Amino acid sequence: MTAPVSVKLLNHRAKLPVYGSPDAAGADLYALTDGPITIAPGQTVLIHTGIALAIPRGYVGLVYARSGLATKEGLAPANKVGVIDADYRGELMVSLYNQSRANRVVECGDRIAQLVVTPYLTAEFAQVEELDGTQRGSGGFGSTGTK
């Protein structure tokens, strides 16, 4: 299943998102910088991509960490999952957080995150006096056991 997504390059050095393999769900997003950007441990830096998207109505763009970058280098989106609504037309930027104990450097053209475009449902919220019962009920974190 494919969804047509129009991409505007806001800078001649910007790169289109690219899928790393035929069955990849996420397309790589690339950094657009004027030089190396050092991200200190515990620091968050907003990284430009130089692209704007027109995501189709009924779809959402979700920006996730690249697993290798997050596990090997400690760089992942600060908000964990970025949400790009279908009506947003500004530049796509990624807030990278350095969760490692060492300085990390992002260079122009580095793959910094991945974009998943997926359909979504809009909920119709209705206030009620009582909710239907379930086996779990109101049990919260860890209430279903550990095994």
N, C-alpha and C. Protein backbone atom coordinates (compact mmCIF):
# COMPACT_ATOMS: atom_id res chain seq x y z
N MET A 1 0.85 -1.18 0.00
CA MET A 1 0.00 0.00 0.00
C MET A 1 0.89 1.24 0.00
N THR A 2 0.60 2.18 -0.86
CA THR A 2 1.38 3.41 -0.90
C THR A 2 0.46 4.61 -0.77
N ALA A 3 1.03 5.69 -0.29
CA ALA A 3 0.32 6.96 -0.18
C ALA A 3 1.19 8.02 -0.84
N PRO A 4 0.64 8.80 -1.77
CA PRO A 4 1.45 9.83 -2.41
C PRO A 4 1.74 10.98 -1.43
N VAL A 5 3.00 11.27 -1.22
CA VAL A 5 3.41 12.36 -0.34
C VAL A 5 4.26 13.33 -1.15
N SER A 6 3.77 14.55 -1.30
CA SER A 6 4.54 15.58 -2.00
C SER A 6 5.59 16.12 -1.06
N VAL A 7 6.82 16.29 -1.58
CA VAL A 7 7.93 16.79 -0.78
C VAL A 7 8.50 18.01 -1.48
N LYS A 8 8.63 19.10 -0.72
CA LYS A 8 9.25 20.31 -1.24
C LYS A 8 10.64 20.43 -0.62
N LEU A 9 11.66 20.53 -1.48
CA LEU A 9 13.01 20.76 -1.00
C LEU A 9 13.16 22.25 -0.74
N LEU A 10 13.43 22.61 0.49
CA LEU A 10 13.55 24.01 0.89
C LEU A 10 14.97 24.55 0.70
N ASN A 11 15.88 23.66 0.37
CA ASN A 11 17.29 24.01 0.19
C ASN A 11 17.85 23.05 -0.86
N HIS A 12 18.74 23.53 -1.70
CA HIS A 12 19.28 22.69 -2.76
C HIS A 12 20.10 21.51 -2.23
N ARG A 13 20.53 21.57 -0.96
CA ARG A 13 21.30 20.47 -0.37
C ARG A 13 20.43 19.45 0.35
N ALA A 14 19.14 19.74 0.47
CA ALA A 14 18.22 18.83 1.15
C ALA A 14 18.05 17.54 0.36
N LYS A 15 17.73 16.46 1.06
CA LYS A 15 17.54 15.15 0.43
C LYS A 15 16.13 14.65 0.68
N LEU A 16 15.59 14.00 -0.34
CA LEU A 16 14.30 13.33 -0.17
C LEU A 16 14.43 12.19 0.82
N PRO A 17 13.37 11.87 1.57
CA PRO A 17 13.41 10.67 2.41
C PRO A 17 13.61 9.44 1.52
N VAL A 18 14.36 8.46 2.03
CA VAL A 18 14.69 7.27 1.25
C VAL A 18 14.48 6.02 2.11
N TYR A 19 13.82 5.01 1.52
CA TYR A 19 13.67 3.72 2.19
C TYR A 19 14.96 2.92 2.01
N GLY A 20 15.44 2.33 3.09
CA GLY A 20 16.69 1.59 3.06
C GLY A 20 16.59 0.21 2.44
N SER A 21 15.38 -0.34 2.36
CA SER A 21 15.17 -1.65 1.74
C SER A 21 13.73 -1.70 1.23
N PRO A 22 13.43 -2.64 0.34
CA PRO A 22 12.08 -2.70 -0.25
C PRO A 22 10.95 -2.87 0.77
N ASP A 23 11.20 -3.51 1.89
CA ASP A 23 10.15 -3.74 2.88
C ASP A 23 10.25 -2.85 4.10
N ALA A 24 11.09 -1.83 4.05
CA ALA A 24 11.25 -0.90 5.18
C ALA A 24 9.97 -0.10 5.38
N ALA A 25 9.54 0.02 6.61
CA ALA A 25 8.35 0.83 6.94
C ALA A 25 8.71 2.30 7.06
N GLY A 26 9.94 2.58 7.49
CA GLY A 26 10.37 3.95 7.71
C GLY A 26 11.36 4.40 6.65
N ALA A 27 11.19 5.64 6.20
CA ALA A 27 12.11 6.25 5.25
C ALA A 27 13.09 7.13 6.02
N ASP A 28 14.37 7.03 5.68
CA ASP A 28 15.40 7.80 6.37
C ASP A 28 15.23 9.29 6.12
N LEU A 29 15.42 10.07 7.17
CA LEU A 29 15.44 11.53 7.10
C LEU A 29 16.88 11.98 7.29
N TYR A 30 17.28 13.00 6.54
CA TYR A 30 18.67 13.43 6.51
C TYR A 30 18.85 14.83 7.11
N ALA A 31 19.94 14.99 7.83
CA ALA A 31 20.27 16.28 8.43
C ALA A 31 20.69 17.28 7.36
N LEU A 32 20.27 18.52 7.53
CA LEU A 32 20.72 19.62 6.68
C LEU A 32 21.37 20.63 7.62
N THR A 33 22.69 20.69 7.59
CA THR A 33 23.43 21.58 8.49
C THR A 33 24.43 22.40 7.69
N ASP A 34 24.90 23.48 8.29
CA ASP A 34 25.93 24.30 7.67
C ASP A 34 27.32 23.87 8.10
N GLY A 35 27.39 22.87 8.93
CA GLY A 35 28.65 22.36 9.44
C GLY A 35 28.34 21.34 10.52
N PRO A 36 29.36 20.75 11.11
CA PRO A 36 29.14 19.77 12.17
C PRO A 36 28.41 20.40 13.36
N ILE A 37 27.47 19.65 13.93
CA ILE A 37 26.75 20.08 15.12
C ILE A 37 27.09 19.10 16.23
N THR A 38 27.67 19.60 17.30
CA THR A 38 28.00 18.76 18.45
C THR A 38 26.85 18.80 19.43
N ILE A 39 26.40 17.61 19.84
CA ILE A 39 25.33 17.49 20.83
C ILE A 39 25.95 16.88 22.08
N ALA A 40 25.96 17.65 23.15
CA ALA A 40 26.55 17.21 24.41
C ALA A 40 25.62 16.21 25.10
N PRO A 41 26.15 15.39 26.01
CA PRO A 41 25.30 14.47 26.77
C PRO A 41 24.18 15.23 27.47
N GLY A 42 22.97 14.71 27.36
CA GLY A 42 21.82 15.33 27.99
C GLY A 42 21.26 16.53 27.25
N GLN A 43 21.84 16.88 26.12
CA GLN A 43 21.40 18.06 25.36
C GLN A 43 20.48 17.64 24.22
N THR A 44 19.53 18.53 23.90
CA THR A 44 18.63 18.36 22.76
C THR A 44 18.90 19.48 21.77
N VAL A 45 19.04 19.13 20.49
CA VAL A 45 19.29 20.11 19.43
C VAL A 45 18.29 19.87 18.31
N LEU A 46 17.70 20.94 17.83
CA LEU A 46 16.76 20.87 16.71
C LEU A 46 17.56 20.83 15.41
N ILE A 47 17.40 19.75 14.66
CA ILE A 47 18.15 19.54 13.42
C ILE A 47 17.22 19.74 12.23
N HIS A 48 17.64 20.58 11.30
CA HIS A 48 16.87 20.84 10.09
C HIS A 48 17.00 19.66 9.12
N THR A 49 15.94 19.46 8.32
CA THR A 49 16.01 18.49 7.22
C THR A 49 15.95 19.19 5.87
N GLY A 50 15.44 20.42 5.85
CA GLY A 50 15.34 21.15 4.59
C GLY A 50 14.21 20.68 3.69
N ILE A 51 13.26 19.94 4.27
CA ILE A 51 12.11 19.49 3.47
C ILE A 51 10.81 19.86 4.15
N ALA A 52 9.77 20.03 3.34
CA ALA A 52 8.40 20.20 3.83
C ALA A 52 7.56 19.15 3.11
N LEU A 53 6.53 18.67 3.78
CA LEU A 53 5.72 17.57 3.27
C LEU A 53 4.26 17.98 3.12
N ALA A 54 3.58 17.33 2.20
CA ALA A 54 2.12 17.41 2.09
C ALA A 54 1.60 16.00 2.29
N ILE A 55 1.37 15.65 3.54
CA ILE A 55 0.87 14.32 3.88
C ILE A 55 -0.62 14.29 3.54
N PRO A 56 -1.09 13.24 2.88
CA PRO A 56 -2.50 13.19 2.50
C PRO A 56 -3.43 13.19 3.71
N ARG A 57 -4.60 13.74 3.53
CA ARG A 57 -5.63 13.74 4.57
C ARG A 57 -5.96 12.29 4.93
N GLY A 58 -6.10 12.04 6.23
CA GLY A 58 -6.35 10.68 6.71
C GLY A 58 -5.09 9.90 7.02
N TYR A 59 -3.93 10.54 6.81
CA TYR A 59 -2.64 9.94 7.11
C TYR A 59 -1.90 10.83 8.09
N VAL A 60 -0.90 10.27 8.74
CA VAL A 60 -0.04 11.02 9.65
C VAL A 60 1.40 10.59 9.38
N GLY A 61 2.32 11.53 9.52
CA GLY A 61 3.74 11.20 9.45
C GLY A 61 4.26 11.03 10.87
N LEU A 62 4.89 9.92 11.15
CA LEU A 62 5.44 9.66 12.47
C LEU A 62 6.96 9.59 12.36
N VAL A 63 7.65 10.38 13.15
CA VAL A 63 9.10 10.44 13.12
C VAL A 63 9.64 9.62 14.29
N TYR A 64 10.35 8.56 13.95
CA TYR A 64 10.90 7.64 14.94
C TYR A 64 12.43 7.70 14.92
N ALA A 65 13.02 7.16 15.99
CA ALA A 65 14.47 7.02 16.04
C ALA A 65 14.93 6.00 15.01
N ARG A 66 16.13 6.16 14.53
CA ARG A 66 16.80 5.12 13.76
C ARG A 66 17.43 4.20 14.79
N SER A 67 17.12 2.93 14.72
CA SER A 67 17.54 2.02 15.79
C SER A 67 19.06 2.00 15.98
N GLY A 68 19.82 1.99 14.90
CA GLY A 68 21.28 1.97 15.04
C GLY A 68 21.82 3.24 15.67
N LEU A 69 21.29 4.38 15.25
CA LEU A 69 21.74 5.66 15.79
C LEU A 69 21.40 5.76 17.28
N ALA A 70 20.23 5.28 17.65
CA ALA A 70 19.81 5.36 19.05
C ALA A 70 20.59 4.39 19.93
N THR A 71 20.79 3.15 19.47
CA THR A 71 21.45 2.17 20.33
C THR A 71 22.96 2.27 20.32
N LYS A 72 23.54 2.64 19.18
CA LYS A 72 25.00 2.71 19.10
C LYS A 72 25.56 4.08 19.46
N GLU A 73 24.82 5.15 19.12
CA GLU A 73 25.32 6.50 19.35
C GLU A 73 24.56 7.26 20.44
N GLY A 74 23.40 6.75 20.82
CA GLY A 74 22.63 7.41 21.87
C GLY A 74 21.84 8.61 21.40
N LEU A 75 21.64 8.77 20.09
CA LEU A 75 20.87 9.90 19.56
C LEU A 75 19.48 9.44 19.12
N ALA A 76 18.46 10.07 19.68
CA ALA A 76 17.08 9.72 19.35
C ALA A 76 16.22 10.97 19.48
N PRO A 77 15.07 11.00 18.81
CA PRO A 77 14.18 12.15 18.95
C PRO A 77 13.82 12.39 20.42
N ALA A 78 13.92 13.63 20.85
CA ALA A 78 13.64 13.98 22.24
C ALA A 78 12.20 13.69 22.63
N ASN A 79 11.28 13.85 21.69
CA ASN A 79 9.87 13.61 21.99
C ASN A 79 9.46 12.17 21.71
N LYS A 80 10.43 11.30 21.45
CA LYS A 80 10.27 9.87 21.19
C LYS A 80 9.59 9.57 19.88
N VAL A 81 8.43 10.15 19.63
CA VAL A 81 7.76 10.01 18.34
C VAL A 81 7.22 11.38 17.96
N GLY A 82 7.70 11.89 16.84
CA GLY A 82 7.19 13.16 16.33
C GLY A 82 5.95 12.91 15.49
N VAL A 83 4.97 13.79 15.59
CA VAL A 83 3.73 13.67 14.83
C VAL A 83 3.65 14.80 13.83
N ILE A 84 3.52 14.45 12.55
CA ILE A 84 3.35 15.44 11.49
C ILE A 84 1.93 15.30 10.96
N ASP A 85 1.11 16.28 11.26
CA ASP A 85 -0.28 16.26 10.83
C ASP A 85 -0.39 16.56 9.34
N ALA A 86 -1.48 16.11 8.74
CA ALA A 86 -1.69 16.28 7.31
C ALA A 86 -1.79 17.75 6.90
N ASP A 87 -2.13 18.63 7.81
CA ASP A 87 -2.28 20.04 7.45
C ASP A 87 -1.03 20.88 7.73
N TYR A 88 0.06 20.25 8.19
CA TYR A 88 1.31 20.99 8.46
C TYR A 88 2.11 21.11 7.17
N ARG A 89 2.58 22.30 6.87
CA ARG A 89 3.35 22.53 5.65
C ARG A 89 4.72 23.17 5.90
N GLY A 90 5.12 23.27 7.16
CA GLY A 90 6.42 23.86 7.47
C GLY A 90 7.55 22.84 7.34
N GLU A 91 8.76 23.32 7.63
CA GLU A 91 9.92 22.45 7.53
C GLU A 91 9.86 21.33 8.57
N LEU A 92 10.22 20.15 8.15
CA LEU A 92 10.33 19.02 9.05
C LEU A 92 11.67 19.12 9.77
N MET A 93 11.62 19.19 11.10
CA MET A 93 12.83 19.24 11.90
C MET A 93 12.76 18.13 12.94
N VAL A 94 13.93 17.67 13.36
CA VAL A 94 14.01 16.58 14.31
C VAL A 94 14.75 17.08 15.54
N SER A 95 14.13 16.96 16.71
CA SER A 95 14.79 17.36 17.96
C SER A 95 15.56 16.14 18.47
N LEU A 96 16.87 16.13 18.22
CA LEU A 96 17.70 15.01 18.63
C LEU A 96 18.21 15.20 20.05
N TYR A 97 18.04 14.17 20.85
CA TYR A 97 18.49 14.17 22.24
C TYR A 97 19.65 13.20 22.36
N ASN A 98 20.73 13.63 23.02
CA ASN A 98 21.88 12.78 23.25
C ASN A 98 21.73 12.11 24.60
N GLN A 99 21.38 10.85 24.58
CA GLN A 99 21.20 10.09 25.82
C GLN A 99 22.46 9.32 26.21
N SER A 100 23.55 9.55 25.49
CA SER A 100 24.82 8.89 25.82
C SER A 100 25.60 9.73 26.83
N ARG A 101 26.80 9.26 27.13
CA ARG A 101 27.67 9.99 28.06
C ARG A 101 28.81 10.72 27.34
N ALA A 102 28.72 10.76 26.00
CA ALA A 102 29.79 11.39 25.21
C ALA A 102 29.18 12.38 24.23
N ASN A 103 29.98 13.37 23.82
CA ASN A 103 29.54 14.28 22.76
C ASN A 103 29.29 13.47 21.50
N ARG A 104 28.26 13.84 20.77
CA ARG A 104 27.95 13.23 19.48
C ARG A 104 27.90 14.34 18.44
N VAL A 105 28.34 14.02 17.23
CA VAL A 105 28.39 15.02 16.16
C VAL A 105 27.46 14.60 15.03
N VAL A 106 26.65 15.56 14.57
CA VAL A 106 25.78 15.35 13.43
C VAL A 106 26.32 16.19 12.28
N GLU A 107 26.49 15.55 11.14
CA GLU A 107 27.01 16.22 9.95
C GLU A 107 25.90 16.34 8.91
N CYS A 108 26.05 17.27 7.99
CA CYS A 108 25.11 17.43 6.90
C CYS A 108 25.05 16.12 6.10
N GLY A 109 23.84 15.64 5.86
CA GLY A 109 23.66 14.40 5.11
C GLY A 109 23.54 13.16 5.97
N ASP A 110 23.78 13.28 7.29
CA ASP A 110 23.62 12.12 8.17
C ASP A 110 22.15 11.72 8.25
N ARG A 111 21.92 10.43 8.34
CA ARG A 111 20.56 9.91 8.58
C ARG A 111 20.26 10.09 10.07
N ILE A 112 19.22 10.84 10.40
CA ILE A 112 18.98 11.22 11.79
C ILE A 112 17.70 10.66 12.39
N ALA A 113 16.78 10.19 11.57
CA ALA A 113 15.52 9.65 12.07
C ALA A 113 14.86 8.93 10.90
N GLN A 114 13.71 8.34 11.17
CA GLN A 114 12.96 7.71 10.09
C GLN A 114 11.51 8.15 10.15
N LEU A 115 10.92 8.26 8.96
CA LEU A 115 9.55 8.73 8.80
C LEU A 115 8.66 7.58 8.37
N VAL A 116 7.59 7.34 9.14
CA VAL A 116 6.58 6.35 8.78
C VAL A 116 5.30 7.13 8.48
N VAL A 117 4.73 6.90 7.31
CA VAL A 117 3.46 7.51 6.93
C VAL A 117 2.40 6.43 7.03
N THR A 118 1.37 6.70 7.83
CA THR A 118 0.37 5.66 8.09
C THR A 118 -1.02 6.27 8.22
N PRO A 119 -2.06 5.51 7.87
CA PRO A 119 -3.42 6.02 8.07
C PRO A 119 -3.76 6.04 9.56
N TYR A 120 -4.72 6.86 9.92
CA TYR A 120 -5.16 6.92 11.31
C TYR A 120 -6.68 7.07 11.35
N LEU A 121 -7.23 6.80 12.51
CA LEU A 121 -8.65 7.00 12.75
C LEU A 121 -8.83 8.20 13.67
N THR A 122 -9.84 8.99 13.41
CA THR A 122 -10.17 10.09 14.30
C THR A 122 -11.25 9.60 15.26
N ALA A 123 -11.00 9.74 16.54
CA ALA A 123 -11.95 9.28 17.55
C ALA A 123 -13.10 10.27 17.69
N GLU A 124 -14.24 9.75 18.02
CA GLU A 124 -15.39 10.58 18.36
C GLU A 124 -15.60 10.41 19.86
N PHE A 125 -15.19 11.39 20.64
CA PHE A 125 -15.24 11.28 22.10
C PHE A 125 -16.64 11.57 22.60
N ALA A 126 -17.13 10.68 23.48
CA ALA A 126 -18.47 10.83 24.05
C ALA A 126 -18.37 10.68 25.57
N GLN A 127 -18.85 11.67 26.29
CA GLN A 127 -18.83 11.60 27.75
C GLN A 127 -19.91 10.65 28.22
N VAL A 128 -19.55 9.76 29.18
CA VAL A 128 -20.49 8.80 29.75
C VAL A 128 -20.36 8.81 31.26
N GLU A 129 -21.35 8.29 31.93
CA GLU A 129 -21.30 8.19 33.40
C GLU A 129 -20.49 6.98 33.86
N GLU A 130 -20.53 5.88 33.11
CA GLU A 130 -19.81 4.66 33.45
C GLU A 130 -19.21 4.06 32.19
N LEU A 131 -18.07 3.38 32.36
CA LEU A 131 -17.45 2.66 31.26
C LEU A 131 -17.81 1.18 31.36
N ASP A 132 -17.77 0.47 30.24
CA ASP A 132 -18.04 -0.96 30.28
C ASP A 132 -16.95 -1.66 31.08
N GLY A 133 -17.27 -2.78 31.70
CA GLY A 133 -16.32 -3.51 32.52
C GLY A 133 -15.43 -4.41 31.70
N THR A 134 -14.20 -4.62 32.20
CA THR A 134 -13.26 -5.55 31.59
C THR A 134 -12.59 -6.36 32.69
N GLN A 135 -11.92 -7.44 32.33
CA GLN A 135 -11.21 -8.24 33.32
C GLN A 135 -10.14 -7.41 34.01
N ARG A 136 -9.46 -6.55 33.27
CA ARG A 136 -8.38 -5.74 33.85
C ARG A 136 -8.93 -4.60 34.69
N GLY A 137 -10.02 -4.03 34.28
CA GLY A 137 -10.60 -2.91 35.01
C GLY A 137 -9.70 -1.70 35.01
N SER A 138 -9.48 -1.09 36.17
CA SER A 138 -8.67 0.12 36.26
C SER A 138 -7.23 -0.16 36.66
N GLY A 139 -6.81 -1.44 36.60
CA GLY A 139 -5.43 -1.79 36.92
C GLY A 139 -4.46 -1.06 36.03
N GLY A 140 -3.47 -0.42 36.61
CA GLY A 140 -2.53 0.41 35.86
C GLY A 140 -1.23 -0.30 35.54
N PHE A 141 -0.14 0.46 35.60
CA PHE A 141 1.19 -0.03 35.24
C PHE A 141 1.52 -1.32 35.95
N GLY A 142 1.84 -2.36 35.20
CA GLY A 142 2.27 -3.63 35.78
C GLY A 142 1.15 -4.49 36.34
N SER A 143 -0.09 -4.08 36.18
CA SER A 143 -1.20 -4.79 36.82
C SER A 143 -1.51 -6.13 36.17
N THR A 144 -1.00 -6.38 34.97
CA THR A 144 -1.29 -7.67 34.31
C THR A 144 -0.17 -8.67 34.54
N GLY A 145 0.80 -8.35 35.39
CA GLY A 145 1.88 -9.29 35.71
C GLY A 145 3.13 -9.02 34.93
N THR A 146 4.16 -9.82 35.25
CA THR A 146 5.45 -9.63 34.61
C THR A 146 5.81 -10.77 33.67
N LYS A 147 5.04 -11.86 33.66
CA LYS A 147 5.36 -13.00 32.79
C LYS A 147 4.18 -13.40 31.98
